[in-house]
Protein backbone atom coordinates (compact mmCIF):
# COMPACT_ATOMS: atom_id res chain seq x y z
CA MET A 1 -38.19 2.74 50.76
CA LEU A 2 -40.44 1.74 47.87
CA HIS A 3 -41.26 4.31 45.22
CA ASP A 4 -44.23 4.41 42.92
CA LEU A 5 -43.39 3.01 39.53
CA ILE A 6 -43.15 5.46 36.65
CA ASP A 7 -45.76 4.89 33.95
CA VAL A 8 -44.41 4.34 30.44
CA ASP A 9 -46.76 4.13 27.47
CA LEU A 10 -45.63 2.18 24.42
CA VAL A 11 -47.43 2.69 21.11
CA ILE A 12 -47.03 -0.30 18.82
CA PRO A 13 -48.56 0.00 15.34
CA ILE A 14 -49.41 -3.35 13.76
CA TYR A 15 -50.84 -4.51 10.45
CA ASN A 16 -51.69 -8.13 9.58
CA GLU A 17 -49.52 -9.51 12.39
CA GLU A 18 -51.54 -12.58 13.40
CA ALA A 19 -48.59 -14.88 12.68
CA VAL A 20 -46.24 -13.12 15.11
CA LEU A 21 -48.36 -11.06 17.51
CA MET A 22 -48.60 -13.53 20.39
CA THR A 23 -44.89 -14.39 20.28
CA PHE A 24 -43.95 -10.72 19.99
CA HIS A 25 -46.08 -9.87 23.02
CA GLN A 26 -44.63 -12.72 25.06
CA ASN A 27 -41.07 -11.64 24.19
CA LEU A 28 -41.86 -8.01 24.91
CA ARG A 29 -43.32 -8.90 28.31
CA SER A 30 -40.27 -10.97 29.20
CA VAL A 31 -38.13 -7.86 28.78
CA LEU A 32 -40.53 -5.27 30.23
CA ASP A 33 -41.31 -7.33 33.33
CA LYS A 34 -37.67 -7.01 34.40
CA LEU A 35 -37.68 -3.21 34.27
CA PRO A 36 -38.65 -0.91 37.16
CA TYR A 37 -41.52 0.80 35.33
CA HIS A 38 -45.23 0.28 34.85
CA PHE A 39 -45.89 -0.20 31.15
CA TRP A 40 -49.09 0.36 29.18
CA LEU A 41 -49.05 -1.26 25.75
CA TYR A 42 -51.12 0.52 23.11
CA TYR A 43 -51.31 -1.84 20.16
CA VAL A 44 -52.75 0.07 17.19
CA ASN A 45 -54.29 -2.30 14.67
CA ASP A 46 -54.01 -0.35 11.43
CA GLY A 47 -56.95 -1.96 9.63
CA SER A 48 -55.60 -5.51 9.51
CA ARG A 49 -57.47 -7.94 7.27
CA ASP A 50 -56.40 -11.06 9.13
CA HIS A 51 -57.24 -12.11 12.71
CA THR A 52 -55.03 -9.51 14.38
CA GLN A 53 -58.01 -7.80 16.03
CA GLU A 54 -59.20 -11.05 17.61
CA TYR A 55 -55.70 -11.77 18.90
CA LEU A 56 -55.52 -8.27 20.40
CA GLU A 57 -58.80 -8.90 22.21
CA GLN A 58 -57.32 -12.11 23.67
CA LEU A 59 -54.20 -10.25 24.80
CA ALA A 60 -56.28 -7.49 26.42
CA ALA A 61 -58.37 -10.09 28.27
CA SER A 62 -55.25 -11.77 29.66
CA ASP A 63 -53.02 -8.72 30.25
CA PRO A 64 -54.59 -5.55 31.70
CA ARG A 65 -51.66 -3.47 30.40
CA VAL A 66 -52.76 -4.08 26.81
CA LYS A 67 -54.91 -1.30 25.37
CA PRO A 68 -55.95 -2.26 21.83
CA ILE A 69 -56.90 0.44 19.34
CA ASN A 70 -58.56 -0.73 16.13
CA LEU A 71 -58.60 1.55 13.11
CA SER A 72 -61.39 0.99 10.55
CA LYS A 73 -58.97 0.75 7.62
CA ASN A 74 -55.26 0.94 6.86
CA PHE A 75 -54.30 4.59 7.33
CA GLY A 76 -50.54 4.01 7.39
CA HIS A 77 -47.79 3.94 9.98
CA GLN A 78 -47.80 7.64 10.91
CA ALA A 79 -51.58 7.77 11.35
CA ALA A 80 -51.45 4.64 13.52
CA LEU A 81 -48.73 6.19 15.70
CA THR A 82 -50.73 9.40 16.02
CA ALA A 83 -53.89 7.49 16.98
CA GLY A 84 -51.93 5.66 19.66
CA LEU A 85 -50.29 8.80 21.02
CA GLU A 86 -53.68 10.51 21.27
CA ARG A 87 -54.92 7.70 23.52
CA THR A 88 -51.96 7.40 25.86
CA ARG A 89 -52.32 8.35 29.49
CA THR A 90 -48.85 9.77 30.04
CA ARG A 91 -48.36 13.41 29.16
CA LEU A 92 -45.05 14.78 27.99
């Protein structure tokens, strides 16, 4: 008997990660796709000054699990985590 997959929300704060974002996402997907859960990936762009935001838009267009959140400036790691947690769908 098949069961509904459990939703798991991941909040991933990022800052100026254009050099590694696509590879990171590909590697993350290769692991998550093997697990028996439905993942939502909340990438929180903490005011990056490079092309991170554009890369996030590309990821969201190609992977419906990606939910980009763009902060207007760099607020720091904790604020980025909080912003992501406030947007997640799963309730604790």
